[in-house]
Protein backbone atom coordinates (compact mmCIF):
# COMPACT_ATOMS: atom_id res chain seq x y z
CA UNK A 1 -55.91 -141.83 -23.19
CA UNK A 2 -53.38 -142.40 -20.43
CA UNK A 3 -54.87 -143.54 -17.12
CA UNK A 4 -53.78 -143.47 -13.48
CA UNK A 5 -51.43 -146.37 -12.79
CA UNK A 6 -49.74 -146.12 -16.19
CA UNK A 7 -46.21 -144.79 -16.75
CA UNK A 8 -45.70 -141.61 -18.70
CA UNK A 9 -44.75 -142.29 -22.31
CA UNK A 10 -41.26 -141.27 -23.25
CA UNK A 11 -41.10 -138.24 -25.49
CA UNK A 12 -38.91 -135.22 -25.91
CA UNK A 13 -39.97 -131.86 -24.50
CA UNK A 14 -38.10 -128.59 -24.99
CA UNK A 15 -37.31 -125.84 -22.51
CA UNK A 16 -35.92 -122.38 -23.21
CA UNK A 17 -33.36 -120.81 -20.87
CA UNK A 18 -32.45 -117.11 -20.87
CA UNK A 19 -29.06 -117.83 -19.34
CA UNK A 20 -26.96 -120.95 -18.99
CA UNK A 21 -28.58 -123.16 -16.35
CA UNK A 22 -27.31 -126.43 -14.88
CA UNK A 23 -25.01 -126.93 -17.86
CA UNK A 24 -27.78 -126.29 -20.40
CA UNK A 25 -27.21 -123.69 -23.09
CA UNK A 26 -29.29 -120.70 -24.06
CA UNK A 27 -32.19 -121.46 -26.32
CA UNK A 28 -34.22 -124.65 -26.58
CA UNK A 29 -32.89 -127.65 -24.72
CA UNK A 30 -34.27 -131.16 -25.34
CA UNK A 31 -35.25 -133.34 -22.38
CA UNK A 32 -36.53 -136.90 -22.11
CA UNK A 33 -39.81 -137.02 -20.17
CA UNK A 34 -38.82 -140.28 -18.49
CA UNK A 35 -35.46 -138.87 -17.39
CA UNK A 36 -37.06 -135.69 -16.03
CA UNK A 37 -39.74 -137.58 -14.11
CA UNK A 38 -37.52 -140.19 -12.49
CA UNK A 39 -37.64 -140.11 -8.70
CA UNK A 40 -39.86 -137.03 -8.47
CA UNK A 41 -43.43 -136.07 -7.70
CA UNK A 42 -44.58 -133.78 -10.48
CA UNK A 43 -47.77 -131.95 -11.33
CA UNK A 44 -48.12 -131.62 -15.09
CA UNK A 45 -50.77 -129.39 -16.54
CA UNK A 46 -51.46 -129.19 -20.23
CA UNK A 47 -53.32 -126.50 -22.06
CA UNK A 48 -54.29 -125.54 -25.60
CA UNK A 49 -51.79 -122.74 -26.06
CA UNK A 50 -49.50 -120.09 -24.67
CA UNK A 51 -50.94 -116.59 -24.63
CA UNK A 52 -54.52 -117.84 -25.05
CA UNK A 53 -57.18 -116.22 -22.82
CA UNK A 54 -58.04 -118.86 -20.19
CA UNK A 55 -54.51 -120.24 -20.17
CA UNK A 56 -52.99 -116.79 -19.51
CA UNK A 57 -55.65 -115.38 -17.20
CA UNK A 58 -56.47 -118.40 -15.03
CA UNK A 59 -54.69 -121.70 -15.65
CA UNK A 60 -50.99 -120.76 -15.46
CA UNK A 61 -51.48 -117.96 -12.88
CA UNK A 62 -53.23 -120.41 -10.54
CA UNK A 63 -50.20 -122.68 -10.51
CA UNK A 64 -47.86 -119.74 -9.91
CA UNK A 65 -50.03 -118.51 -7.01
CA UNK A 66 -50.25 -122.00 -5.48
CA UNK A 67 -46.60 -122.93 -5.94
CA UNK A 68 -45.79 -122.93 -2.22
CA UNK A 69 -48.92 -124.90 -1.31
CA UNK A 70 -48.11 -127.55 -3.93
CA UNK A 71 -44.53 -127.81 -2.70
CA UNK A 72 -45.83 -128.20 0.87
CA UNK A 73 -47.86 -131.21 -0.35
CA UNK A 74 -44.68 -132.93 -1.61
CA UNK A 75 -44.61 -131.76 -5.23
CA UNK A 76 -41.02 -131.49 -6.49
CA UNK A 77 -41.76 -129.82 -9.83
CA UNK A 78 -44.65 -128.28 -11.74
CA UNK A 79 -44.64 -128.56 -15.52
CA UNK A 80 -46.73 -126.54 -17.95
CA UNK A 81 -46.85 -128.37 -21.28
CA UNK A 82 -48.28 -126.85 -24.43
CA UNK A 83 -48.11 -127.61 -28.14
CA UNK A 84 -45.94 -124.56 -28.72
CA UNK A 85 -42.23 -124.31 -29.38
CA UNK A 86 -39.71 -123.60 -26.63
CA UNK A 87 -39.24 -119.99 -27.77
CA UNK A 88 -42.95 -119.25 -27.35
CA UNK A 89 -43.03 -121.01 -23.99
CA UNK A 90 -39.98 -119.00 -22.88
CA UNK A 91 -41.59 -115.71 -23.93
CA UNK A 92 -44.82 -116.67 -22.15
CA UNK A 93 -42.83 -117.57 -19.02
CA UNK A 94 -41.27 -114.08 -19.02
CA UNK A 95 -44.60 -112.31 -19.42
CA UNK A 96 -46.26 -114.43 -16.71
CA UNK A 97 -43.36 -114.25 -14.25
CA UNK A 98 -43.03 -117.99 -13.75
CA UNK A 99 -39.40 -117.54 -12.62
CA UNK A 100 -38.12 -120.90 -11.34
CA UNK A 101 -41.55 -122.03 -10.13
CA UNK A 102 -42.96 -123.64 -13.28
CA UNK A 103 -41.07 -125.56 -15.96
CA UNK A 104 -42.45 -124.24 -19.24
CA UNK A 105 -42.06 -127.17 -21.62
CA UNK A 106 -42.74 -126.95 -25.34
CA UNK A 107 -44.25 -129.90 -27.19
CA UNK A 108 -44.12 -128.22 -30.59
CA UNK A 109 -44.86 -131.35 -32.62
CA UNK A 110 -47.44 -132.67 -30.13
CA UNK A 111 -45.35 -135.82 -29.62
CA UNK A 112 -45.91 -136.05 -25.86
CA UNK A 113 -49.52 -134.85 -26.07
CA UNK A 114 -50.36 -137.44 -28.73
CA UNK A 115 -48.68 -140.26 -26.82
CA UNK A 116 -50.80 -139.30 -23.80
CA UNK A 117 -53.90 -139.46 -26.01
CA UNK A 118 -54.79 -135.91 -24.96
CA UNK A 119 -54.59 -134.12 -28.30
CA UNK A 120 -57.45 -132.22 -29.90
CA UNK A 121 -57.84 -130.88 -33.42
CA UNK A 122 -58.50 -127.14 -33.38
CA UNK A 123 -57.79 -126.70 -37.10
CA UNK A 124 -61.24 -125.19 -37.69
CA UNK A 125 -60.22 -122.42 -35.29
CA UNK A 126 -56.85 -121.93 -37.01
CA UNK A 127 -54.83 -123.55 -34.22
CA UNK A 128 -54.03 -127.03 -35.60
CA UNK A 129 -53.41 -129.97 -33.26
CA UNK A 130 -53.31 -128.83 -29.65
CA UNK A 131 -53.53 -130.29 -26.18
CA UNK A 132 -56.72 -130.78 -24.26
CA UNK A 133 -56.78 -128.93 -20.94
CA UNK A 134 -55.72 -131.33 -18.16
CA UNK A 135 -53.70 -131.76 -15.00
CA UNK A 136 -52.06 -134.87 -13.62
CA UNK A 137 -49.99 -135.96 -10.66
CA UNK A 138 -47.01 -138.15 -11.50
CA UNK A 139 -44.90 -140.05 -8.98
CA UNK A 140 -41.63 -141.53 -10.19
CA UNK A 141 -42.88 -141.51 -13.77
CA UNK A 142 -46.29 -143.10 -13.06
CA UNK A 143 -49.56 -141.18 -13.30
CA UNK A 144 -51.38 -141.29 -9.95
CA UNK A 145 -54.19 -138.82 -10.77
CA UNK A 146 -55.57 -137.35 -13.99
CA UNK A 147 -58.12 -134.57 -14.41
CA UNK A 148 -59.23 -133.82 -18.00
CA UNK A 149 -61.51 -130.91 -18.77
CA UNK A 150 -64.63 -131.14 -20.90
CA UNK A 151 -64.28 -129.06 -24.08
CA UNK A 152 -64.37 -125.34 -23.35
CA UNK A 153 -64.34 -125.85 -19.58
CA UNK A 154 -61.96 -124.90 -16.77
CA UNK A 155 -63.06 -126.69 -13.62
CA UNK A 156 -60.97 -129.78 -12.76
CA UNK A 157 -57.44 -128.96 -13.96
CA UNK A 158 -56.80 -125.92 -11.79
CA UNK A 159 -54.09 -125.80 -9.13
CA UNK A 160 -56.80 -125.70 -6.49
CA UNK A 161 -58.35 -128.93 -7.85
CA UNK A 162 -54.99 -130.67 -7.80
CA UNK A 163 -54.30 -129.46 -4.26
CA UNK A 164 -57.60 -131.00 -3.17
CA UNK A 165 -56.57 -134.45 -4.41
CA UNK A 166 -52.98 -134.42 -3.12
């Protein structure tokens, strides 16, 4: 598992745009993690899946509600990463009203999640390989803090927990 002090692994994440944005087309757009992270302070939170109960009711809404407080602490971007495709992440973004606050990044093949060492096998629950629930602070591509939840828990990866360590 990745640890504080280590650089993020390079992987490709996908983001869906409703309209053309910054030269990116409609639909899924591929981005290099290392390129996106360069020169920024980012909070990345990973979760088992879009539209799942805790993720939809507590995890993502907490980051939306605390957007301004996180920005005030020097956070340039907030990423929500899930082992879903960009279309699902885009639909979830619309239903949750993330607007331009949270980058909703799909890791459909679990490439990034696996390279982080934060995957979990939920095949027995019909979900396949998914992400563990976590949050991290990344500065210029290097992890400075990492909070990983115990299975079935939601205590240390919330926006409020990350605010407390910034």
